[in-house]
């Protein structure tokens, strides 16, 4: 049996919200890593938690190099 659909809305319970954040953050980081490896993509992912803690992922070229390329992109 598959999982049921969940409503996409803020989780009121703080403990449940933190657990969900941790699990989904891990999944997001895993997908970012897979995308960078499989597609040879330069990738920078920045996530701030509700407490202000920073989580980041960058592919092999590094965060500064990717952010510089982003800022220099004329199509912004």
PDB file of N, CA and C in Angstrom:
ATOM      1  N   UNK A   1       0.828  -1.187   0.000  1.00  0.00           N
ATOM      2  CA  UNK A   1       0.000   0.000   0.000  1.00  0.00           C
ATOM      3  C   UNK A   1       0.863   1.237   0.000  1.00  0.00           C
ATOM      4  N   UNK A   2       0.462   2.234  -0.778  1.00  0.00           N
ATOM      5  CA  UNK A   2       1.204   3.482  -0.852  1.00  0.00           C
ATOM      6  C   UNK A   2       0.840   4.431   0.278  1.00  0.00           C
ATOM      7  N   UNK A   3       1.605   5.445   0.379  1.00  0.00           N
ATOM      8  CA  UNK A   3       1.339   6.459   1.399  1.00  0.00           C
ATOM      9  C   UNK A   3       0.217   7.376   0.929  1.00  0.00           C
ATOM     10  N   UNK A   4      -0.522   7.899   1.871  1.00  0.00           N
ATOM     11  CA  UNK A   4      -1.595   8.827   1.543  1.00  0.00           C
ATOM     12  C   UNK A   4      -1.047  10.223   1.318  1.00  0.00           C
ATOM     13  N   UNK A   5      -1.835  11.067   0.689  1.00  0.00           N
ATOM     14  CA  UNK A   5      -1.429  12.447   0.458  1.00  0.00           C
ATOM     15  C   UNK A   5      -1.527  13.228   1.764  1.00  0.00           C
ATOM     16  N   UNK A   6      -0.612  14.176   1.912  1.00  0.00           N
ATOM     17  CA  UNK A   6      -0.665  15.034   3.090  1.00  0.00           C
ATOM     18  C   UNK A   6      -0.986  16.452   2.642  1.00  0.00           C
ATOM     19  N   UNK A   7      -1.596  17.199   3.525  1.00  0.00           N
ATOM     20  CA  UNK A   7      -1.874  18.603   3.229  1.00  0.00           C
ATOM     21  C   UNK A   7      -0.570  19.390   3.386  1.00  0.00           C
ATOM     22  N   UNK A   8      -0.269  20.216   2.410  1.00  0.00           N
ATOM     23  CA  UNK A   8       0.937  21.035   2.483  1.00  0.00           C
ATOM     24  C   UNK A   8       0.584  22.321   3.210  1.00  0.00           C
ATOM     25  N   UNK A   9       0.790  22.286   4.501  1.00  0.00           N
ATOM     26  CA  UNK A   9       0.545  23.445   5.351  1.00  0.00           C
ATOM     27  C   UNK A   9       1.499  23.371   6.527  1.00  0.00           C
ATOM     28  N   UNK A  10       1.632  24.474   7.233  1.00  0.00           N
ATOM     29  CA  UNK A  10       2.560  24.541   8.364  1.00  0.00           C
ATOM     30  C   UNK A  10       2.182  23.523   9.436  1.00  0.00           C
ATOM     31  N   UNK A  11       3.203  22.848   9.969  1.00  0.00           N
ATOM     32  CA  UNK A  11       2.986  21.876  11.036  1.00  0.00           C
ATOM     33  C   UNK A  11       3.021  22.635  12.363  1.00  0.00           C
ATOM     34  N   UNK A  12       1.941  22.546  13.122  1.00  0.00           N
ATOM     35  CA  UNK A  12       1.833  23.317  14.356  1.00  0.00           C
ATOM     36  C   UNK A  12       2.703  22.768  15.482  1.00  0.00           C
ATOM     37  N   UNK A  13       2.805  21.462  15.601  1.00  0.00           N
ATOM     38  CA  UNK A  13       3.585  20.850  16.671  1.00  0.00           C
ATOM     39  C   UNK A  13       5.077  21.058  16.386  1.00  0.00           C
ATOM     40  N   UNK A  14       5.772  21.705  17.322  1.00  0.00           N
ATOM     41  CA  UNK A  14       7.190  22.045  17.106  1.00  0.00           C
ATOM     42  C   UNK A  14       8.070  20.829  16.923  1.00  0.00           C
ATOM     43  N   UNK A  15       7.842  19.799  17.709  1.00  0.00           N
ATOM     44  CA  UNK A  15       8.660  18.587  17.605  1.00  0.00           C
ATOM     45  C   UNK A  15       8.454  17.918  16.258  1.00  0.00           C
ATOM     46  N   UNK A  16       7.209  17.763  15.849  1.00  0.00           N
ATOM     47  CA  UNK A  16       6.916  17.149  14.548  1.00  0.00           C
ATOM     48  C   UNK A  16       7.482  17.991  13.400  1.00  0.00           C
ATOM     49  N   UNK A  17       7.402  19.319  13.547  1.00  0.00           N
ATOM     50  CA  UNK A  17       7.918  20.207  12.500  1.00  0.00           C
ATOM     51  C   UNK A  17       9.432  20.035  12.369  1.00  0.00           C
ATOM     52  N   UNK A  18      10.144  19.935  13.492  1.00  0.00           N
ATOM     53  CA  UNK A  18      11.601  19.771  13.454  1.00  0.00           C
ATOM     54  C   UNK A  18      11.995  18.418  12.864  1.00  0.00           C
ATOM     55  N   UNK A  19      11.280  17.377  13.225  1.00  0.00           N
ATOM     56  CA  UNK A  19      11.560  16.042  12.684  1.00  0.00           C
ATOM     57  C   UNK A  19      11.328  16.028  11.174  1.00  0.00           C
ATOM     58  N   UNK A  20      10.228  16.627  10.740  1.00  0.00           N
ATOM     59  CA  UNK A  20       9.920  16.691   9.312  1.00  0.00           C
ATOM     60  C   UNK A  20      10.981  17.497   8.570  1.00  0.00           C
ATOM     61  N   UNK A  21      11.393  18.615   9.152  1.00  0.00           N
ATOM     62  CA  UNK A  21      12.437  19.442   8.532  1.00  0.00           C
ATOM     63  C   UNK A  21      13.720  18.639   8.358  1.00  0.00           C
ATOM     64  N   UNK A  22      14.132  17.941   9.394  1.00  0.00           N
ATOM     65  CA  UNK A  22      15.375  17.166   9.328  1.00  0.00           C
ATOM     66  C   UNK A  22      15.314  16.083   8.254  1.00  0.00           C
ATOM     67  N   UNK A  23      14.208  15.363   8.205  1.00  0.00           N
ATOM     68  CA  UNK A  23      14.068  14.287   7.218  1.00  0.00           C
ATOM     69  C   UNK A  23      14.024  14.840   5.800  1.00  0.00           C
ATOM     70  N   UNK A  24      13.244  15.889   5.591  1.00  0.00           N
ATOM     71  CA  UNK A  24      13.127  16.460   4.239  1.00  0.00           C
ATOM     72  C   UNK A  24      14.401  17.171   3.815  1.00  0.00           C
ATOM     73  N   UNK A  25      15.099  17.784   4.759  1.00  0.00           N
ATOM     74  CA  UNK A  25      16.381  18.410   4.442  1.00  0.00           C
ATOM     75  C   UNK A  25      17.358  17.345   3.960  1.00  0.00           C
ATOM     76  N   UNK A  26      17.381  16.216   4.646  1.00  0.00           N
ATOM     77  CA  UNK A  26      18.255  15.122   4.227  1.00  0.00           C
ATOM     78  C   UNK A  26      17.926  14.627   2.829  1.00  0.00           C
ATOM     79  N   UNK A  27      16.627  14.499   2.540  1.00  0.00           N
ATOM     80  CA  UNK A  27      16.199  14.072   1.209  1.00  0.00           C
ATOM     81  C   UNK A  27      16.552  15.085   0.142  1.00  0.00           C
ATOM     82  N   UNK A  28      16.406  16.369   0.470  1.00  0.00           N
ATOM     83  CA  UNK A  28      16.737  17.433  -0.478  1.00  0.00           C
ATOM     84  C   UNK A  28      18.230  17.449  -0.770  1.00  0.00           C
ATOM     85  N   UNK A  29      19.041  17.281   0.259  1.00  0.00           N
ATOM     86  CA  UNK A  29      20.500  17.240   0.077  1.00  0.00           C
ATOM     87  C   UNK A  29      20.897  16.033  -0.780  1.00  0.00           C
ATOM     88  N   UNK A  30      20.253  14.898  -0.545  1.00  0.00           N
ATOM     89  CA  UNK A  30      20.552  13.697  -1.324  1.00  0.00           C
ATOM     90  C   UNK A  30      20.207  13.909  -2.792  1.00  0.00           C
ATOM     91  N   UNK A  31      19.047  14.504  -3.069  1.00  0.00           N
ATOM     92  CA  UNK A  31      18.646  14.771  -4.455  1.00  0.00           C
ATOM     93  C   UNK A  31      19.590  15.766  -5.116  1.00  0.00           C
ATOM     94  N   UNK A  32      20.036  16.777  -4.372  1.00  0.00           N
ATOM     95  CA  UNK A  32      20.973  17.753  -4.925  1.00  0.00           C
ATOM     96  C   UNK A  32      22.290  17.069  -5.298  1.00  0.00           C
ATOM     97  N   UNK A  33      22.782  16.215  -4.409  1.00  0.00           N
ATOM     98  CA  UNK A  33      24.024  15.482  -4.677  1.00  0.00           C
ATOM     99  C   UNK A  33      23.875  14.590  -5.914  1.00  0.00           C
ATOM    100  N   UNK A  34      22.741  13.895  -6.012  1.00  0.00           N
ATOM    101  CA  UNK A  34      22.494  13.019  -7.163  1.00  0.00           C
ATOM    102  C   UNK A  34      22.435  13.820  -8.458  1.00  0.00           C
ATOM    103  N   UNK A  35      21.763  14.968  -8.440  1.00  0.00           N
ATOM    104  CA  UNK A  35      21.660  15.812  -9.626  1.00  0.00           C
ATOM    105  C   UNK A  35      23.036  16.299 -10.067  1.00  0.00           C
ATOM    106  N   UNK A  36      23.847  16.714  -9.107  1.00  0.00           N
ATOM    107  CA  UNK A  36      25.186  17.195  -9.432  1.00  0.00           C
ATOM    108  C   UNK A  36      26.040  16.090 -10.045  1.00  0.00           C
ATOM    109  N   UNK A  37      25.932  14.875  -9.520  1.00  0.00           N
ATOM    110  CA  UNK A  37      26.746  13.768 -10.020  1.00  0.00           C
ATOM    111  C   UNK A  37      26.225  13.256 -11.360  1.00  0.00           C
ATOM    112  N   UNK A  38      24.932  12.964 -11.435  1.00  0.00           N
ATOM    113  CA  UNK A  38      24.375  12.351 -12.642  1.00  0.00           C
ATOM    114  C   UNK A  38      24.401  13.278 -13.854  1.00  0.00           C
ATOM    115  N   UNK A  39      24.153  14.555 -13.631  1.00  0.00           N
ATOM    116  CA  UNK A  39      24.033  15.500 -14.749  1.00  0.00           C
ATOM    117  C   UNK A  39      25.238  16.415 -14.888  1.00  0.00           C
ATOM    118  N   UNK A  40      26.265  16.197 -14.079  1.00  0.00           N
ATOM    119  CA  UNK A  40      27.466  17.026 -14.095  1.00  0.00           C
ATOM    120  C   UNK A  40      27.090  18.505 -13.998  1.00  0.00           C
ATOM    121  N   UNK A  41      26.184  18.813 -13.075  1.00  0.00           N
ATOM    122  CA  UNK A  41      25.693  20.177 -12.910  1.00  0.00           C
ATOM    123  C   UNK A  41      26.430  20.862 -11.774  1.00  0.00           C
ATOM    124  N   UNK A  42      26.671  22.168 -11.933  1.00  0.00           N
ATOM    125  CA  UNK A  42      27.178  22.975 -10.823  1.00  0.00           C
ATOM    126  C   UNK A  42      25.981  23.361  -9.982  1.00  0.00           C
ATOM    127  N   UNK A  43      26.052  23.062  -8.718  1.00  0.00           N
ATOM    128  CA  UNK A  43      24.883  23.216  -7.869  1.00  0.00           C
ATOM    129  C   UNK A  43      25.256  23.863  -6.545  1.00  0.00           C
ATOM    130  N   UNK A  44      24.415  24.800  -6.086  1.00  0.00           N
ATOM    131  CA  UNK A  44      24.562  25.403  -4.766  1.00  0.00           C
ATOM    132  C   UNK A  44      23.185  25.408  -4.124  1.00  0.00           C
ATOM    133  N   UNK A  45      23.089  24.822  -2.951  1.00  0.00           N
ATOM    134  CA  UNK A  45      21.826  24.755  -2.217  1.00  0.00           C
ATOM    135  C   UNK A  45      22.054  25.363  -0.843  1.00  0.00           C
ATOM    136  N   UNK A  46      21.221  26.343  -0.482  1.00  0.00           N
ATOM    137  CA  UNK A  46      21.326  27.009   0.810  1.00  0.00           C
ATOM    138  C   UNK A  46      19.980  26.900   1.503  1.00  0.00           C
ATOM    139  N   UNK A  47      19.982  26.397   2.744  1.00  0.00           N
ATOM    140  CA  UNK A  47      18.754  26.244   3.522  1.00  0.00           C
ATOM    141  C   UNK A  47      18.990  26.820   4.911  1.00  0.00           C
ATOM    142  N   UNK A  48      18.075  27.666   5.373  1.00  0.00           N
ATOM    143  CA  UNK A  48      18.107  28.163   6.737  1.00  0.00           C
ATOM    144  C   UNK A  48      16.940  27.541   7.490  1.00  0.00           C
ATOM    145  N   UNK A  49      17.201  27.007   8.669  1.00  0.00           N
ATOM    146  CA  UNK A  49      16.128  26.449   9.492  1.00  0.00           C
ATOM    147  C   UNK A  49      15.365  27.587  10.156  1.00  0.00           C
ATOM    148  N   UNK A  50      14.278  27.253  10.820  1.00  0.00           N
ATOM    149  CA  UNK A  50      13.473  28.271  11.497  1.00  0.00           C
ATOM    150  C   UNK A  50      14.245  28.896  12.665  1.00  0.00           C
ATOM    151  N   UNK A  51      15.272  28.206  13.152  1.00  0.00           N
ATOM    152  CA  UNK A  51      16.106  28.751  14.223  1.00  0.00           C
ATOM    153  C   UNK A  51      17.273  29.562  13.674  1.00  0.00           C
ATOM    154  N   UNK A  52      17.403  29.628  12.361  1.00  0.00           N
ATOM    155  CA  UNK A  52      18.465  30.412  11.740  1.00  0.00           C
ATOM    156  C   UNK A  52      19.723  29.640  11.419  1.00  0.00           C
ATOM    157  N   UNK A  53      19.714  28.337  11.646  1.00  0.00           N
ATOM    158  CA  UNK A  53      20.896  27.523  11.349  1.00  0.00           C
ATOM    159  C   UNK A  53      21.029  27.323   9.836  1.00  0.00           C
ATOM    160  N   UNK A  54      22.251  27.394   9.358  1.00  0.00           N
ATOM    161  CA  UNK A  54      22.539  27.291   7.930  1.00  0.00           C
ATOM    162  C   UNK A  54      22.923  25.866   7.560  1.00  0.00           C
ATOM    163  N   UNK A  55      22.347  25.368   6.472  1.00  0.00           N
ATOM    164  CA  UNK A  55      22.720  24.089   5.873  1.00  0.00           C
ATOM    165  C   UNK A  55      22.989  24.371   4.406  1.00  0.00           C
ATOM    166  N   UNK A  56      24.097  23.859   3.891  1.00  0.00           N
ATOM    167  CA  UNK A  56      24.396  24.119   2.489  1.00  0.00           C
ATOM    168  C   UNK A  56      25.015  22.899   1.821  1.00  0.00           C
ATOM    169  N   UNK A  57      24.912  22.896   0.509  1.00  0.00           N
ATOM    170  CA  UNK A  57      25.526  21.862  -0.326  1.00  0.00           C
ATOM    171  C   UNK A  57      26.035  22.546  -1.572  1.00  0.00           C
ATOM    172  N   UNK A  58      27.243  22.202  -1.985  1.00  0.00           N
ATOM    173  CA  UNK A  58      27.764  22.695  -3.253  1.00  0.00           C
ATOM    174  C   UNK A  58      28.404  21.547  -4.007  1.00  0.00           C
ATOM    175  N   UNK A  59      28.338  21.644  -5.305  1.00  0.00           N
ATOM    176  CA  UNK A  59      29.026  20.655  -6.127  1.00  0.00           C
ATOM    177  C   UNK A  59      30.517  20.992  -6.137  1.00  0.00           C
ATOM    178  N   UNK A  60      31.255  20.346  -6.954  1.00  0.00           N
ATOM    179  CA  UNK A  60      32.716  20.405  -6.904  1.00  0.00           C
ATOM    180  C   UNK A  60      33.312  21.796  -7.111  1.00  0.00           C
ATOM    181  N   UNK A  61      32.620  22.701  -7.794  1.00  0.00           N
ATOM    182  CA  UNK A  61      33.231  23.997  -8.089  1.00  0.00           C
ATOM    183  C   UNK A  61      33.209  24.957  -6.904  1.00  0.00           C
ATOM    184  N   UNK A  62      32.413  24.712  -5.897  1.00  0.00           N
ATOM    185  CA  UNK A  62      32.419  25.540  -4.699  1.00  0.00           C
ATOM    186  C   UNK A  62      31.352  26.627  -4.693  1.00  0.00           C
ATOM    187  N   UNK A  63      30.945  27.014  -3.495  1.00  0.00           N
ATOM    188  CA  UNK A  63      29.865  27.975  -3.306  1.00  0.00           C
ATOM    189  C   UNK A  63      30.203  29.347  -3.886  1.00  0.00           C
ATOM    190  N   UNK A  64      31.391  29.866  -3.604  1.00  0.00           N
ATOM    191  CA  UNK A  64      31.751  31.203  -4.075  1.00  0.00           C
ATOM    192  C   UNK A  64      31.749  31.285  -5.589  1.00  0.00           C
ATOM    193  N   UNK A  65      32.290  30.288  -6.250  1.00  0.00           N
ATOM    194  CA  UNK A  65      32.341  30.287  -7.715  1.00  0.00           C
ATOM    195  C   UNK A  65      30.934  30.256  -8.311  1.00  0.00           C
ATOM    196  N   UNK A  66      30.060  29.451  -7.729  1.00  0.00           N
ATOM    197  CA  UNK A  66      28.686  29.347  -8.244  1.00  0.00           C
ATOM    198  C   UNK A  66      27.928  30.645  -7.999  1.00  0.00           C
ATOM    199  N   UNK A  67      28.091  31.247  -6.813  1.00  0.00           N
ATOM    200  CA  UNK A  67      27.410  32.511  -6.527  1.00  0.00           C
ATOM    201  C   UNK A  67      27.916  33.638  -7.425  1.00  0.00           C
ATOM    202  N   UNK A  68      29.205  33.661  -7.720  1.00  0.00           N
ATOM    203  CA  UNK A  68      29.741  34.663  -8.646  1.00  0.00           C
ATOM    204  C   UNK A  68      29.127  34.495 -10.035  1.00  0.00           C
ATOM    205  N   UNK A  69      29.035  33.255 -10.508  1.00  0.00           N
ATOM    206  CA  UNK A  69      28.414  33.009 -11.815  1.00  0.00           C
ATOM    207  C   UNK A  69      26.959  33.450 -11.820  1.00  0.00           C
ATOM    208  N   UNK A  70      26.257  33.215 -10.712  1.00  0.00           N
ATOM    209  CA  UNK A  70      24.852  33.607 -10.597  1.00  0.00           C
ATOM    210  C   UNK A  70      24.713  35.132 -10.653  1.00  0.00           C
ATOM    211  N   UNK A  71      25.578  35.837  -9.950  1.00  0.00           N
ATOM    212  CA  UNK A  71      25.506  37.303  -9.920  1.00  0.00           C
ATOM    213  C   UNK A  71      25.887  37.929 -11.252  1.00  0.00           C
ATOM    214  N   UNK A  72      26.747  37.268 -12.002  1.00  0.00           N
ATOM    215  CA  UNK A  72      27.179  37.795 -13.295  1.00  0.00           C
ATOM    216  C   UNK A  72      26.229  37.449 -14.439  1.00  0.00           C
ATOM    217  N   UNK A  73      25.233  36.621 -14.178  1.00  0.00           N
ATOM    218  CA  UNK A  73      24.297  36.197 -15.214  1.00  0.00           C
ATOM    219  C   UNK A  73      23.427  37.385 -15.638  1.00  0.00           C
ATOM    220  N   UNK A  74      23.499  37.790 -16.919  1.00  0.00           N
ATOM    221  CA  UNK A  74      22.719  38.944 -17.365  1.00  0.00           C
ATOM    222  C   UNK A  74      21.216  38.677 -17.495  1.00  0.00           C
ATOM    223  N   UNK A  75      20.789  37.435 -17.403  1.00  0.00           N
ATOM    224  CA  UNK A  75      19.386  37.093 -17.605  1.00  0.00           C
ATOM    225  C   UNK A  75      18.586  37.107 -16.305  1.00  0.00           C
ATOM    226  N   UNK A  76      19.085  37.729 -15.250  1.00  0.00           N
ATOM    227  CA  UNK A  76      18.375  37.755 -13.978  1.00  0.00           C
ATOM    228  C   UNK A  76      17.203  38.640 -14.090  1.00  0.00           C
TER     229      UNK A  76
END
